[in-house]
């Protein structure tokens, strides 16, 4: 489960950006392939949420 405060930051992100969350510097990525939040202090992955694969065309 993603905390609401982190969810709001990810929703407000288009592409990639640095932000501060709970006193930590984080790298936020919101792209077609999904979402990623990485703490830049200790390089911890806070969350990753991959998008569902798109159906292939025959």
C-alpha atoms as a PDB file:
ATOM      1  CA  UNK A   1       0.000   0.000   0.000  1.00  0.00           C
ATOM      2  CA  UNK A   2       1.337   3.407  -0.976  1.00  0.00           C
ATOM      3  CA  UNK A   3       0.964   6.135   1.672  1.00  0.00           C
ATOM      4  CA  UNK A   4      -1.469   8.896   0.604  1.00  0.00           C
ATOM      5  CA  UNK A   5       1.223  11.591   0.754  1.00  0.00           C
ATOM      6  CA  UNK A   6       3.485   9.616  -1.617  1.00  0.00           C
ATOM      7  CA  UNK A   7       0.524   8.796  -3.890  1.00  0.00           C
ATOM      8  CA  UNK A   8      -0.234  12.537  -4.218  1.00  0.00           C
ATOM      9  CA  UNK A   9       3.374  13.262  -5.215  1.00  0.00           C
ATOM     10  CA  UNK A  10       3.383  10.455  -7.798  1.00  0.00           C
ATOM     11  CA  UNK A  11       0.043  11.596  -9.237  1.00  0.00           C
ATOM     12  CA  UNK A  12       1.429  15.141  -9.616  1.00  0.00           C
ATOM     13  CA  UNK A  13       4.528  13.844 -11.435  1.00  0.00           C
ATOM     14  CA  UNK A  14       4.761  13.706 -15.216  1.00  0.00           C
ATOM     15  CA  UNK A  15       7.954  11.985 -16.308  1.00  0.00           C
ATOM     16  CA  UNK A  16      10.615  12.262 -13.613  1.00  0.00           C
ATOM     17  CA  UNK A  17      11.500  14.706 -10.835  1.00  0.00           C
ATOM     18  CA  UNK A  18      13.214  15.039  -7.465  1.00  0.00           C
ATOM     19  CA  UNK A  19      11.008  15.779  -4.460  1.00  0.00           C
ATOM     20  CA  UNK A  20      11.017  15.627  -0.680  1.00  0.00           C
ATOM     21  CA  UNK A  21       8.831  13.100   1.117  1.00  0.00           C
ATOM     22  CA  UNK A  22       8.834  12.559   4.890  1.00  0.00           C
ATOM     23  CA  UNK A  23      12.156  14.376   5.216  1.00  0.00           C
ATOM     24  CA  UNK A  24      13.818  12.299   2.478  1.00  0.00           C
ATOM     25  CA  UNK A  25      14.948  13.282  -0.989  1.00  0.00           C
ATOM     26  CA  UNK A  26      13.239  10.977  -3.468  1.00  0.00           C
ATOM     27  CA  UNK A  27      13.326  10.420  -7.209  1.00  0.00           C
ATOM     28  CA  UNK A  28       9.798  10.060  -8.593  1.00  0.00           C
ATOM     29  CA  UNK A  29       9.045   8.578 -12.000  1.00  0.00           C
ATOM     30  CA  UNK A  30       5.571   8.390 -13.515  1.00  0.00           C
ATOM     31  CA  UNK A  31       5.771   6.926 -17.024  1.00  0.00           C
ATOM     32  CA  UNK A  32       3.803   4.755 -19.451  1.00  0.00           C
ATOM     33  CA  UNK A  33       5.456   1.621 -18.034  1.00  0.00           C
ATOM     34  CA  UNK A  34       4.426   2.461 -14.439  1.00  0.00           C
ATOM     35  CA  UNK A  35       5.554   4.406 -11.363  1.00  0.00           C
ATOM     36  CA  UNK A  36       8.724   4.330  -9.285  1.00  0.00           C
ATOM     37  CA  UNK A  37       9.785   6.136  -6.105  1.00  0.00           C
ATOM     38  CA  UNK A  38      13.413   5.786  -4.960  1.00  0.00           C
ATOM     39  CA  UNK A  39      14.918   7.349  -1.846  1.00  0.00           C
ATOM     40  CA  UNK A  40      18.110   9.216  -2.770  1.00  0.00           C
ATOM     41  CA  UNK A  41      19.342   8.772   0.794  1.00  0.00           C
ATOM     42  CA  UNK A  42      20.425   5.158   0.917  1.00  0.00           C
ATOM     43  CA  UNK A  43      19.009   4.335  -2.541  1.00  0.00           C
ATOM     44  CA  UNK A  44      15.949   2.514  -1.197  1.00  0.00           C
ATOM     45  CA  UNK A  45      13.053   1.738  -3.463  1.00  0.00           C
ATOM     46  CA  UNK A  46       9.999   3.222  -1.736  1.00  0.00           C
ATOM     47  CA  UNK A  47       7.492   1.821  -4.233  1.00  0.00           C
ATOM     48  CA  UNK A  48       7.232   0.464  -7.745  1.00  0.00           C
ATOM     49  CA  UNK A  49       3.968  -0.040  -9.571  1.00  0.00           C
ATOM     50  CA  UNK A  50       4.210  -1.422 -13.097  1.00  0.00           C
ATOM     51  CA  UNK A  51       1.430  -0.706 -15.549  1.00  0.00           C
ATOM     52  CA  UNK A  52      -0.576  -3.615 -16.910  1.00  0.00           C
ATOM     53  CA  UNK A  53       0.824  -4.801 -20.244  1.00  0.00           C
ATOM     54  CA  UNK A  54      -1.031  -3.533 -23.274  1.00  0.00           C
ATOM     55  CA  UNK A  55      -2.587  -6.278 -25.423  1.00  0.00           C
ATOM     56  CA  UNK A  56      -0.566  -7.052 -28.531  1.00  0.00           C
ATOM     57  CA  UNK A  57      -2.133  -6.624 -31.933  1.00  0.00           C
ATOM     58  CA  UNK A  58      -2.463  -9.782 -34.077  1.00  0.00           C
END
